[in-house]
Amino acid sequence: MNKLLVALGLAATLSGITGAHLAAQQSPAAASYKRDVPARLLAQTKISEDSARTVALARVPGATVTALELEREGGRLIWSFDLTVAGKSGIEEVTVDAVTGKIVGVQHESH
């Protein structure tokens, strides 16, 4: 148990995500954002929605998820998050590879 806690603490430290930040994030069961996650695509993912959301939110500090889509784009299976930051205009679209967990794109979209 202690080794697991140390490993989790190290992982959170290395990724720059605190435990409080993780606890404050929305879970799919209580998602307060628009979700378009087709079951046929979900079955092909290796990275969970929770993990992908954590990666996307770490890329845009202080952001809130407003929409999520799981889709194929350019031959790649991706999680696409629309993020907003209070006090800033527009949306940051962060796409995360649903197989590798790596960010494949960040784009600012005006309203």
PDB file of N, CA and C in Angstrom:
ATOM      1  N   MET A   1       0.829  -1.186   0.000  1.00  0.00           N
ATOM      2  CA  MET A   1       0.000   0.000   0.000  1.00  0.00           C
ATOM      3  C   MET A   1       0.873   1.250   0.000  1.00  0.00           C
ATOM      4  N   ASN A   2       1.905   1.286   0.867  1.00  0.00           N
ATOM      5  CA  ASN A   2       2.774   2.461   0.922  1.00  0.00           C
ATOM      6  C   ASN A   2       3.499   2.682  -0.391  1.00  0.00           C
ATOM      7  N   LYS A   3       3.943   1.603  -1.047  1.00  0.00           N
ATOM      8  CA  LYS A   3       4.615   1.745  -2.337  1.00  0.00           C
ATOM      9  C   LYS A   3       3.671   2.341  -3.373  1.00  0.00           C
ATOM     10  N   LEU A   4       2.405   1.894  -3.332  1.00  0.00           N
ATOM     11  CA  LEU A   4       1.406   2.419  -4.260  1.00  0.00           C
ATOM     12  C   LEU A   4       1.191   3.904  -4.020  1.00  0.00           C
ATOM     13  N   LEU A   5       1.072   4.303  -2.763  1.00  0.00           N
ATOM     14  CA  LEU A   5       0.871   5.714  -2.445  1.00  0.00           C
ATOM     15  C   LEU A   5       2.063   6.557  -2.879  1.00  0.00           C
ATOM     16  N   VAL A   6       3.264   6.042  -2.675  1.00  0.00           N
ATOM     17  CA  VAL A   6       4.463   6.758  -3.104  1.00  0.00           C
ATOM     18  C   VAL A   6       4.479   6.894  -4.621  1.00  0.00           C
ATOM     19  N   ALA A   7       4.151   5.813  -5.320  1.00  0.00           N
ATOM     20  CA  ALA A   7       4.122   5.847  -6.786  1.00  0.00           C
ATOM     21  C   ALA A   7       3.075   6.833  -7.288  1.00  0.00           C
ATOM     22  N   LEU A   8       1.894   6.834  -6.665  1.00  0.00           N
ATOM     23  CA  LEU A   8       0.850   7.767  -7.079  1.00  0.00           C
ATOM     24  C   LEU A   8       1.269   9.208  -6.795  1.00  0.00           C
ATOM     25  N   GLY A   9       1.886   9.436  -5.651  1.00  0.00           N
ATOM     26  CA  GLY A   9       2.356  10.775  -5.310  1.00  0.00           C
ATOM     27  C   GLY A   9       3.421  11.251  -6.278  1.00  0.00           C
ATOM     28  N   LEU A  10       4.334  10.361  -6.638  1.00  0.00           N
ATOM     29  CA  LEU A  10       5.390  10.702  -7.584  1.00  0.00           C
ATOM     30  C   LEU A  10       4.797  11.013  -8.950  1.00  0.00           C
ATOM     31  N   ALA A  11       3.842  10.204  -9.378  1.00  0.00           N
ATOM     32  CA  ALA A  11       3.213  10.433 -10.683  1.00  0.00           C
ATOM     33  C   ALA A  11       2.500  11.781 -10.702  1.00  0.00           C
ATOM     34  N   ALA A  12       1.795  12.106  -9.618  1.00  0.00           N
ATOM     35  CA  ALA A  12       1.093  13.386  -9.559  1.00  0.00           C
ATOM     36  C   ALA A  12       2.087  14.543  -9.546  1.00  0.00           C
ATOM     37  N   THR A  13       3.181  14.367  -8.832  1.00  0.00           N
ATOM     38  CA  THR A  13       4.197  15.415  -8.777  1.00  0.00           C
ATOM     39  C   THR A  13       4.833  15.617 -10.141  1.00  0.00           C
ATOM     40  N   LEU A  14       5.181  14.528 -10.805  1.00  0.00           N
ATOM     41  CA  LEU A  14       5.829  14.623 -12.112  1.00  0.00           C
ATOM     42  C   LEU A  14       4.914  15.258 -13.149  1.00  0.00           C
ATOM     43  N   SER A  15       3.635  15.004 -13.058  1.00  0.00           N
ATOM     44  CA  SER A  15       2.714  15.554 -14.050  1.00  0.00           C
ATOM     45  C   SER A  15       2.226  16.942 -13.668  1.00  0.00           C
ATOM     46  N   GLY A  16       2.596  17.400 -12.473  1.00  0.00           N
ATOM     47  CA  GLY A  16       2.209  18.739 -12.059  1.00  0.00           C
ATOM     48  C   GLY A  16       0.764  18.837 -11.626  1.00  0.00           C
ATOM     49  N   ILE A  17       0.173  17.714 -11.280  1.00  0.00           N
ATOM     50  CA  ILE A  17      -1.226  17.681 -10.889  1.00  0.00           C
ATOM     51  C   ILE A  17      -1.291  17.326  -9.411  1.00  0.00           C
ATOM     52  N   THR A  18      -1.948  18.148  -8.619  1.00  0.00           N
ATOM     53  CA  THR A  18      -2.069  17.858  -7.199  1.00  0.00           C
ATOM     54  C   THR A  18      -3.278  16.976  -6.938  1.00  0.00           C
ATOM     55  N   GLY A  19      -3.291  16.327  -5.801  1.00  0.00           N
ATOM     56  CA  GLY A  19      -4.428  15.501  -5.416  1.00  0.00           C
ATOM     57  C   GLY A  19      -5.711  16.304  -5.368  1.00  0.00           C
ATOM     58  N   ALA A  20      -5.632  17.529  -4.871  1.00  0.00           N
ATOM     59  CA  ALA A  20      -6.819  18.380  -4.796  1.00  0.00           C
ATOM     60  C   ALA A  20      -7.349  18.684  -6.191  1.00  0.00           C
ATOM     61  N   HIS A  21      -6.438  18.909  -7.137  1.00  0.00           N
ATOM     62  CA  HIS A  21      -6.840  19.190  -8.512  1.00  0.00           C
ATOM     63  C   HIS A  21      -7.563  17.979  -9.095  1.00  0.00           C
ATOM     64  N   LEU A  22      -7.020  16.790  -8.835  1.00  0.00           N
ATOM     65  CA  LEU A  22      -7.652  15.574  -9.342  1.00  0.00           C
ATOM     66  C   LEU A  22      -9.038  15.394  -8.747  1.00  0.00           C
ATOM     67  N   ALA A  23      -9.171  15.640  -7.446  1.00  0.00           N
ATOM     68  CA  ALA A  23     -10.452  15.458  -6.777  1.00  0.00           C
ATOM     69  C   ALA A  23     -11.493  16.449  -7.276  1.00  0.00           C
ATOM     70  N   ALA A  24     -11.045  17.628  -7.709  1.00  0.00           N
ATOM     71  CA  ALA A  24     -11.969  18.672  -8.145  1.00  0.00           C
ATOM     72  C   ALA A  24     -12.489  18.450  -9.558  1.00  0.00           C
ATOM     73  N   GLN A  25     -11.901  17.531 -10.288  1.00  0.00           N
ATOM     74  CA  GLN A  25     -12.311  17.322 -11.672  1.00  0.00           C
ATOM     75  C   GLN A  25     -13.632  16.573 -11.753  1.00  0.00           C
ATOM     76  N   GLN A  26     -14.327  16.787 -12.858  1.00  0.00           N
ATOM     77  CA  GLN A  26     -15.609  16.154 -13.079  1.00  0.00           C
ATOM     78  C   GLN A  26     -15.405  14.691 -13.466  1.00  0.00           C
ATOM     79  N   SER A  27     -16.307  13.834 -13.015  1.00  0.00           N
ATOM     80  CA  SER A  27     -16.241  12.429 -13.416  1.00  0.00           C
ATOM     81  C   SER A  27     -17.321  12.167 -14.450  1.00  0.00           C
ATOM     82  N   PRO A  28     -17.102  11.171 -15.338  1.00  0.00           N
ATOM     83  CA  PRO A  28     -18.101  10.899 -16.369  1.00  0.00           C
ATOM     84  C   PRO A  28     -19.480  10.593 -15.792  1.00  0.00           C
ATOM     85  N   ALA A  29     -19.525   9.927 -14.633  1.00  0.00           N
ATOM     86  CA  ALA A  29     -20.809   9.572 -14.031  1.00  0.00           C
ATOM     87  C   ALA A  29     -21.611  10.826 -13.668  1.00  0.00           C
ATOM     88  N   ALA A  30     -20.903  11.901 -13.330  1.00  0.00           N
ATOM     89  CA  ALA A  30     -21.562  13.141 -12.935  1.00  0.00           C
ATOM     90  C   ALA A  30     -21.184  14.268 -13.894  1.00  0.00           C
ATOM     91  N   ALA A  31     -20.944  13.916 -15.142  1.00  0.00           N
ATOM     92  CA  ALA A  31     -20.482  14.896 -16.127  1.00  0.00           C
ATOM     93  C   ALA A  31     -21.504  16.017 -16.269  1.00  0.00           C
ATOM     94  N   SER A  32     -21.014  17.235 -16.165  1.00  0.00           N
ATOM     95  CA  SER A  32     -21.881  18.392 -16.335  1.00  0.00           C
ATOM     96  C   SER A  32     -21.598  19.062 -17.669  1.00  0.00           C
ATOM     97  N   TYR A  33     -21.027  18.303 -18.585  1.00  0.00           N
ATOM     98  CA  TYR A  33     -20.710  18.824 -19.904  1.00  0.00           C
ATOM     99  C   TYR A  33     -21.312  17.910 -20.963  1.00  0.00           C
ATOM    100  N   LYS A  34     -21.436  18.461 -22.161  1.00  0.00           N
ATOM    101  CA  LYS A  34     -21.986  17.705 -23.291  1.00  0.00           C
ATOM    102  C   LYS A  34     -20.995  16.602 -23.668  1.00  0.00           C
ATOM    103  N   ARG A  35     -21.487  15.370 -23.810  1.00  0.00           N
ATOM    104  CA  ARG A  35     -20.633  14.236 -24.155  1.00  0.00           C
ATOM    105  C   ARG A  35     -21.174  13.543 -25.404  1.00  0.00           C
ATOM    106  N   ASP A  36     -20.286  13.281 -26.343  1.00  0.00           N
ATOM    107  CA  ASP A  36     -20.615  12.488 -27.528  1.00  0.00           C
ATOM    108  C   ASP A  36     -19.571  11.372 -27.589  1.00  0.00           C
ATOM    109  N   VAL A  37     -19.904  10.238 -26.975  1.00  0.00           N
ATOM    110  CA  VAL A  37     -18.967   9.123 -26.846  1.00  0.00           C
ATOM    111  C   VAL A  37     -19.637   7.849 -27.363  1.00  0.00           C
ATOM    112  N   PRO A  38     -19.496   7.576 -28.669  1.00  0.00           N
ATOM    113  CA  PRO A  38     -20.117   6.375 -29.243  1.00  0.00           C
ATOM    114  C   PRO A  38     -19.509   5.093 -28.651  1.00  0.00           C
ATOM    115  N   ALA A  39     -20.356   4.160 -28.268  1.00  0.00           N
ATOM    116  CA  ALA A  39     -19.915   2.899 -27.655  1.00  0.00           C
ATOM    117  C   ALA A  39     -18.960   2.130 -28.570  1.00  0.00           C
ATOM    118  N   ARG A  40     -19.202   2.167 -29.881  1.00  0.00           N
ATOM    119  CA  ARG A  40     -18.338   1.424 -30.809  1.00  0.00           C
ATOM    120  C   ARG A  40     -16.905   1.965 -30.805  1.00  0.00           C
ATOM    121  N   LEU A  41     -16.744   3.269 -30.585  1.00  0.00           N
ATOM    122  CA  LEU A  41     -15.411   3.860 -30.499  1.00  0.00           C
ATOM    123  C   LEU A  41     -14.816   3.693 -29.101  1.00  0.00           C
ATOM    124  N   LEU A  42     -15.662   3.805 -28.079  1.00  0.00           N
ATOM    125  CA  LEU A  42     -15.187   3.660 -26.708  1.00  0.00           C
ATOM    126  C   LEU A  42     -14.515   2.303 -26.496  1.00  0.00           C
ATOM    127  N   ALA A  43     -15.042   1.284 -27.138  1.00  0.00           N
ATOM    128  CA  ALA A  43     -14.483  -0.063 -27.021  1.00  0.00           C
ATOM    129  C   ALA A  43     -13.066  -0.156 -27.593  1.00  0.00           C
ATOM    130  N   GLN A  44     -12.669   0.812 -28.416  1.00  0.00           N
ATOM    131  CA  GLN A  44     -11.348   0.789 -29.054  1.00  0.00           C
ATOM    132  C   GLN A  44     -10.301   1.627 -28.317  1.00  0.00           C
ATOM    133  N   THR A  45     -10.713   2.341 -27.269  1.00  0.00           N
ATOM    134  CA  THR A  45      -9.769   3.209 -26.562  1.00  0.00           C
ATOM    135  C   THR A  45      -8.880   2.417 -25.615  1.00  0.00           C
ATOM    136  N   LYS A  46      -7.691   2.927 -25.382  1.00  0.00           N
ATOM    137  CA  LYS A  46      -6.788   2.381 -24.367  1.00  0.00           C
ATOM    138  C   LYS A  46      -6.639   3.384 -23.222  1.00  0.00           C
ATOM    139  N   ILE A  47      -6.977   4.644 -23.487  1.00  0.00           N
ATOM    140  CA  ILE A  47      -6.909   5.716 -22.498  1.00  0.00           C
ATOM    141  C   ILE A  47      -8.339   6.078 -22.104  1.00  0.00           C
ATOM    142  N   SER A  48      -8.630   6.028 -20.809  1.00  0.00           N
ATOM    143  CA  SER A  48      -9.978   6.316 -20.330  1.00  0.00           C
ATOM    144  C   SER A  48     -10.321   7.795 -20.485  1.00  0.00           C
ATOM    145  N   GLU A  49     -11.598   8.081 -20.445  1.00  0.00           N
ATOM    146  CA  GLU A  49     -12.050   9.475 -20.486  1.00  0.00           C
ATOM    147  C   GLU A  49     -11.455  10.249 -19.311  1.00  0.00           C
ATOM    148  N   ASP A  50     -11.457   9.652 -18.125  1.00  0.00           N
ATOM    149  CA  ASP A  50     -10.887  10.316 -16.947  1.00  0.00           C
ATOM    150  C   ASP A  50      -9.421  10.688 -17.168  1.00  0.00           C
ATOM    151  N   SER A  51      -8.639   9.743 -17.677  1.00  0.00           N
ATOM    152  CA  SER A  51      -7.213  10.001 -17.902  1.00  0.00           C
ATOM    153  C   SER A  51      -7.005  11.072 -18.971  1.00  0.00           C
ATOM    154  N   ALA A  52      -7.761  10.982 -20.047  1.00  0.00           N
ATOM    155  CA  ALA A  52      -7.632  11.967 -21.122  1.00  0.00           C
ATOM    156  C   ALA A  52      -8.033  13.354 -20.632  1.00  0.00           C
ATOM    157  N   ARG A  53      -9.092  13.425 -19.823  1.00  0.00           N
ATOM    158  CA  ARG A  53      -9.541  14.708 -19.282  1.00  0.00           C
ATOM    159  C   ARG A  53      -8.458  15.311 -18.377  1.00  0.00           C
ATOM    160  N   THR A  54      -7.815  14.472 -17.573  1.00  0.00           N
ATOM    161  CA  THR A  54      -6.734  14.938 -16.703  1.00  0.00           C
ATOM    162  C   THR A  54      -5.601  15.544 -17.523  1.00  0.00           C
ATOM    163  N   VAL A  55      -5.247  14.885 -18.627  1.00  0.00           N
ATOM    164  CA  VAL A  55      -4.188  15.386 -19.517  1.00  0.00           C
ATOM    165  C   VAL A  55      -4.609  16.728 -20.128  1.00  0.00           C
ATOM    166  N   ALA A  56      -5.844  16.807 -20.619  1.00  0.00           N
ATOM    167  CA  ALA A  56      -6.327  18.034 -21.260  1.00  0.00           C
ATOM    168  C   ALA A  56      -6.380  19.197 -20.268  1.00  0.00           C
ATOM    169  N   LEU A  57      -6.884  18.940 -19.063  1.00  0.00           N
ATOM    170  CA  LEU A  57      -6.990  20.003 -18.065  1.00  0.00           C
ATOM    171  C   LEU A  57      -5.618  20.456 -17.568  1.00  0.00           C
ATOM    172  N   ALA A  58      -4.654  19.559 -17.549  1.00  0.00           N
ATOM    173  CA  ALA A  58      -3.292  19.935 -17.154  1.00  0.00           C
ATOM    174  C   ALA A  58      -2.674  20.871 -18.193  1.00  0.00           C
ATOM    175  N   ARG A  59      -3.094  20.730 -19.445  1.00  0.00           N
ATOM    176  CA  ARG A  59      -2.558  21.561 -20.544  1.00  0.00           C
ATOM    177  C   ARG A  59      -3.098  22.983 -20.494  1.00  0.00           C
ATOM    178  N   VAL A  60      -4.325  23.141 -19.936  1.00  0.00           N
ATOM    179  CA  VAL A  60      -4.963  24.460 -19.848  1.00  0.00           C
ATOM    180  C   VAL A  60      -5.364  24.686 -18.388  1.00  0.00           C
ATOM    181  N   PRO A  61      -4.432  25.170 -17.566  1.00  0.00           N
ATOM    182  CA  PRO A  61      -4.706  25.362 -16.142  1.00  0.00           C
ATOM    183  C   PRO A  61      -5.911  26.264 -15.892  1.00  0.00           C
ATOM    184  N   GLY A  62      -6.726  25.892 -14.920  1.00  0.00           N
ATOM    185  CA  GLY A  62      -7.891  26.676 -14.551  1.00  0.00           C
ATOM    186  C   GLY A  62      -9.086  26.486 -15.457  1.00  0.00           C
ATOM    187  N   ALA A  63      -8.998  25.541 -16.389  1.00  0.00           N
ATOM    188  CA  ALA A  63     -10.074  25.335 -17.368  1.00  0.00           C
ATOM    189  C   ALA A  63     -11.175  24.435 -16.818  1.00  0.00           C
ATOM    190  N   THR A  64     -12.318  24.537 -17.466  1.00  0.00           N
ATOM    191  CA  THR A  64     -13.473  23.687 -17.197  1.00  0.00           C
ATOM    192  C   THR A  64     -13.882  23.039 -18.508  1.00  0.00           C
ATOM    193  N   VAL A  65     -14.224  21.763 -18.461  1.00  0.00           N
ATOM    194  CA  VAL A  65     -14.686  21.061 -19.655  1.00  0.00           C
ATOM    195  C   VAL A  65     -16.123  21.478 -19.944  1.00  0.00           C
ATOM    196  N   THR A  66     -16.382  21.898 -21.177  1.00  0.00           N
ATOM    197  CA  THR A  66     -17.746  22.241 -21.582  1.00  0.00           C
ATOM    198  C   THR A  66     -18.322  21.204 -22.543  1.00  0.00           C
ATOM    199  N   ALA A  67     -17.446  20.474 -23.249  1.00  0.00           N
ATOM    200  CA  ALA A  67     -17.916  19.448 -24.178  1.00  0.00           C
ATOM    201  C   ALA A  67     -16.799  18.446 -24.439  1.00  0.00           C
ATOM    202  N   LEU A  68     -17.210  17.233 -24.761  1.00  0.00           N
ATOM    203  CA  LEU A  68     -16.273  16.156 -25.053  1.00  0.00           C
ATOM    204  C   LEU A  68     -16.816  15.339 -26.203  1.00  0.00           C
ATOM    205  N   GLU A  69     -15.907  14.950 -27.090  1.00  0.00           N
ATOM    206  CA  GLU A  69     -16.289  14.085 -28.203  1.00  0.00           C
ATOM    207  C   GLU A  69     -15.192  13.049 -28.402  1.00  0.00           C
ATOM    208  N   LEU A  70     -15.595  11.807 -28.586  1.00  0.00           N
ATOM    209  CA  LEU A  70     -14.671  10.742 -28.969  1.00  0.00           C
ATOM    210  C   LEU A  70     -14.910  10.506 -30.449  1.00  0.00           C
ATOM    211  N   GLU A  71     -13.840  10.654 -31.246  1.00  0.00           N
ATOM    212  CA  GLU A  71     -14.020  10.576 -32.699  1.00  0.00           C
ATOM    213  C   GLU A  71     -12.757  10.071 -33.388  1.00  0.00           C
ATOM    214  N   ARG A  72     -12.918   9.713 -34.638  1.00  0.00           N
ATOM    215  CA  ARG A  72     -11.767   9.395 -35.504  1.00  0.00           C
ATOM    216  C   ARG A  72     -11.498  10.634 -36.325  1.00  0.00           C
ATOM    217  N   GLU A  73     -10.248  11.061 -36.287  1.00  0.00           N
ATOM    218  CA  GLU A  73      -9.853  12.243 -37.048  1.00  0.00           C
ATOM    219  C   GLU A  73      -8.466  11.988 -37.617  1.00  0.00           C
ATOM    220  N   GLY A  74      -8.347  12.094 -38.927  1.00  0.00           N
ATOM    221  CA  GLY A  74      -7.061  11.850 -39.568  1.00  0.00           C
ATOM    222  C   GLY A  74      -6.544  10.441 -39.326  1.00  0.00           C
ATOM    223  N   GLY A  75      -7.460   9.475 -39.238  1.00  0.00           N
ATOM    224  CA  GLY A  75      -7.068   8.088 -39.012  1.00  0.00           C
ATOM    225  C   GLY A  75      -6.723   7.767 -37.570  1.00  0.00           C
ATOM    226  N   ARG A  76      -6.870   8.743 -36.685  1.00  0.00           N
ATOM    227  CA  ARG A  76      -6.495   8.590 -35.277  1.00  0.00           C
ATOM    228  C   ARG A  76      -7.753   8.653 -34.405  1.00  0.00           C
ATOM    229  N   LEU A  77      -7.829   7.819 -33.386  1.00  0.00           N
ATOM    230  CA  LEU A  77      -8.926   7.850 -32.425  1.00  0.00           C
ATOM    231  C   LEU A  77      -8.557   8.871 -31.355  1.00  0.00           C
ATOM    232  N   ILE A  78      -9.396   9.903 -31.192  1.00  0.00           N
ATOM    233  CA  ILE A  78      -9.054  10.978 -30.260  1.00  0.00           C
ATOM    234  C   ILE A  78     -10.214  11.343 -29.325  1.00  0.00           C
ATOM    235  N   TRP A  79      -9.818  11.802 -28.157  1.00  0.00           N
ATOM    236  CA  TRP A  79     -10.720  12.482 -27.240  1.00  0.00           C
ATOM    237  C   TRP A  79     -10.556  13.970 -27.560  1.00  0.00           C
ATOM    238  N   SER A  80     -11.652  14.662 -27.846  1.00  0.00           N
ATOM    239  CA  SER A  80     -11.609  16.088 -28.159  1.00  0.00           C
ATOM    240  C   SER A  80     -12.372  16.848 -27.072  1.00  0.00           C
ATOM    241  N   PHE A  81     -11.647  17.696 -26.325  1.00  0.00           N
ATOM    242  CA  PHE A  81     -12.229  18.446 -25.223  1.00  0.00           C
ATOM    243  C   PHE A  81     -12.342  19.915 -25.582  1.00  0.00           C
ATOM    244  N   ASP A  82     -13.514  20.497 -25.324  1.00  0.00           N
ATOM    245  CA  ASP A  82     -13.693  21.943 -25.407  1.00  0.00           C
ATOM    246  C   ASP A  82     -13.568  22.458 -23.984  1.00  0.00           C
ATOM    247  N   LEU A  83     -12.604  23.353 -23.781  1.00  0.00           N
ATOM    248  CA  LEU A  83     -12.322  23.879 -22.450  1.00  0.00           C
ATOM    249  C   LEU A  83     -12.514  25.386 -22.427  1.00  0.00           C
ATOM    250  N   THR A  84     -13.066  25.901 -21.335  1.00  0.00           N
ATOM    251  CA  THR A  84     -13.182  27.341 -21.150  1.00  0.00           C
ATOM    252  C   THR A  84     -12.445  27.722 -19.873  1.00  0.00           C
ATOM    253  N   VAL A  85     -11.950  28.957 -19.866  1.00  0.00           N
ATOM    254  CA  VAL A  85     -11.281  29.506 -18.697  1.00  0.00           C
ATOM    255  C   VAL A  85     -12.023  30.779 -18.322  1.00  0.00           C
ATOM    256  N   ALA A  86     -12.436  30.882 -17.063  1.00  0.00           N
ATOM    257  CA  ALA A  86     -13.160  32.060 -16.591  1.00  0.00           C
ATOM    258  C   ALA A  86     -12.344  33.317 -16.873  1.00  0.00           C
ATOM    259  N   GLY A  87     -13.019  34.325 -17.427  1.00  0.00           N
ATOM    260  CA  GLY A  87     -12.357  35.593 -17.715  1.00  0.00           C
ATOM    261  C   GLY A  87     -11.654  35.642 -19.059  1.00  0.00           C
ATOM    262  N   LYS A  88     -11.616  34.525 -19.773  1.00  0.00           N
ATOM    263  CA  LYS A  88     -10.981  34.499 -21.094  1.00  0.00           C
ATOM    264  C   LYS A  88     -12.036  34.161 -22.139  1.00  0.00           C
ATOM    265  N   SER A  89     -11.936  34.794 -23.295  1.00  0.00           N
ATOM    266  CA  SER A  89     -12.913  34.533 -24.350  1.00  0.00           C
ATOM    267  C   SER A  89     -12.525  33.301 -25.157  1.00  0.00           C
ATOM    268  N   GLY A  90     -13.518  32.714 -25.771  1.00  0.00           N
ATOM    269  CA  GLY A  90     -13.282  31.576 -26.656  1.00  0.00           C
ATOM    270  C   GLY A  90     -13.133  30.258 -25.931  1.00  0.00           C
ATOM    271  N   ILE A  91     -12.780  29.265 -26.718  1.00  0.00           N
ATOM    272  CA  ILE A  91     -12.649  27.883 -26.250  1.00  0.00           C
ATOM    273  C   ILE A  91     -11.293  27.353 -26.669  1.00  0.00           C
ATOM    274  N   GLU A  92     -10.671  26.607 -25.780  1.00  0.00           N
ATOM    275  CA  GLU A  92      -9.459  25.872 -26.132  1.00  0.00           C
ATOM    276  C   GLU A  92      -9.901  24.450 -26.453  1.00  0.00           C
ATOM    277  N   GLU A  93      -9.611  24.008 -27.662  1.00  0.00           N
ATOM    278  CA  GLU A  93      -9.903  22.620 -28.018  1.00  0.00           C
ATOM    279  C   GLU A  93      -8.601  21.840 -27.857  1.00  0.00           C
ATOM    280  N   VAL A  94      -8.634  20.868 -26.958  1.00  0.00           N
ATOM    281  CA  VAL A  94      -7.469  20.029 -26.717  1.00  0.00           C
ATOM    282  C   VAL A  94      -7.839  18.614 -27.144  1.00  0.00           C
ATOM    283  N   THR A  95      -7.031  18.046 -28.044  1.00  0.00           N
ATOM    284  CA  THR A  95      -7.272  16.682 -28.493  1.00  0.00           C
ATOM    285  C   THR A  95      -6.186  15.772 -27.941  1.00  0.00           C
ATOM    286  N   VAL A  96      -6.651  14.626 -27.422  1.00  0.00           N
ATOM    287  CA  VAL A  96      -5.772  13.654 -26.790  1.00  0.00           C
ATOM    288  C   VAL A  96      -5.935  12.320 -27.509  1.00  0.00           C
ATOM    289  N   ASP A  97      -4.832  11.716 -27.906  1.00  0.00           N
ATOM    290  CA  ASP A  97      -4.858  10.419 -28.571  1.00  0.00           C
ATOM    291  C   ASP A  97      -5.461   9.398 -27.607  1.00  0.00           C
ATOM    292  N   ALA A  98      -6.516   8.708 -28.017  1.00  0.00           N
ATOM    293  CA  ALA A  98      -7.232   7.759 -27.160  1.00  0.00           C
ATOM    294  C   ALA A  98      -6.510   6.426 -27.021  1.00  0.00           C
ATOM    295  N   VAL A  99      -5.391   6.266 -27.718  1.00  0.00           N
ATOM    296  CA  VAL A  99      -4.591   5.041 -27.616  1.00  0.00           C
ATOM    297  C   VAL A  99      -3.311   5.298 -26.823  1.00  0.00           C
ATOM    298  N   THR A 100      -2.661   6.441 -27.061  1.00  0.00           N
ATOM    299  CA  THR A 100      -1.383   6.716 -26.403  1.00  0.00           C
ATOM    300  C   THR A 100      -1.493   7.670 -25.212  1.00  0.00           C
ATOM    301  N   GLY A 101      -2.541   8.501 -25.173  1.00  0.00           N
ATOM    302  CA  GLY A 101      -2.697   9.476 -24.098  1.00  0.00           C
ATOM    303  C   GLY A 101      -1.926  10.760 -24.329  1.00  0.00           C
ATOM    304  N   LYS A 102      -1.303  10.899 -25.490  1.00  0.00           N
ATOM    305  CA  LYS A 102      -0.530  12.106 -25.788  1.00  0.00           C
ATOM    306  C   LYS A 102      -1.424  13.174 -26.408  1.00  0.00           C
ATOM    307  N   ILE A 103      -1.111  14.432 -26.098  1.00  0.00           N
ATOM    308  CA  ILE A 103      -1.828  15.547 -26.705  1.00  0.00           C
ATOM    309  C   ILE A 103      -1.412  15.619 -28.175  1.00  0.00           C
ATOM    310  N   VAL A 104      -2.412  15.656 -29.054  1.00  0.00           N
ATOM    311  CA  VAL A 104      -2.105  15.721 -30.489  1.00  0.00           C
ATOM    312  C   VAL A 104      -2.476  17.081 -31.083  1.00  0.00           C
ATOM    313  N   GLY A 105      -3.144  17.918 -30.283  1.00  0.00           N
ATOM    314  CA  GLY A 105      -3.468  19.241 -30.790  1.00  0.00           C
ATOM    315  C   GLY A 105      -4.075  20.126 -29.727  1.00  0.00           C
ATOM    316  N   VAL A 106      -3.794  21.416 -29.839  1.00  0.00           N
ATOM    317  CA  VAL A 106      -4.407  22.449 -29.003  1.00  0.00           C
ATOM    318  C   VAL A 106      -4.721  23.611 -29.937  1.00  0.00           C
ATOM    319  N   GLN A 107      -5.974  24.010 -29.940  1.00  0.00           N
ATOM    320  CA  GLN A 107      -6.389  25.074 -30.849  1.00  0.00           C
ATOM    321  C   GLN A 107      -7.341  26.007 -30.134  1.00  0.00           C
ATOM    322  N   HIS A 108      -7.121  27.319 -30.268  1.00  0.00           N
ATOM    323  CA  HIS A 108      -8.021  28.309 -29.688  1.00  0.00           C
ATOM    324  C   HIS A 108      -9.115  28.610 -30.708  1.00  0.00           C
ATOM    325  N   GLU A 109     -10.366  28.561 -30.243  1.00  0.00           N
ATOM    326  CA  GLU A 109     -11.498  28.862 -31.106  1.00  0.00           C
ATOM    327  C   GLU A 109     -12.246  30.048 -30.520  1.00  0.00           C
ATOM    328  N   SER A 110     -12.496  31.074 -31.339  1.00  0.00           N
ATOM    329  CA  SER A 110     -13.271  32.242 -30.890  1.00  0.00           C
ATOM    330  C   SER A 110     -14.733  31.901 -30.886  1.00  0.00           C
ATOM    331  N   HIS A 111     -15.495  32.614 -30.068  1.00  0.00           N
ATOM    332  CA  HIS A 111     -16.959  32.403 -30.023  1.00  0.00           C
ATOM    333  C   HIS A 111     -17.611  33.008 -31.220  1.00  0.00           C
TER     334      HIS A 111
END
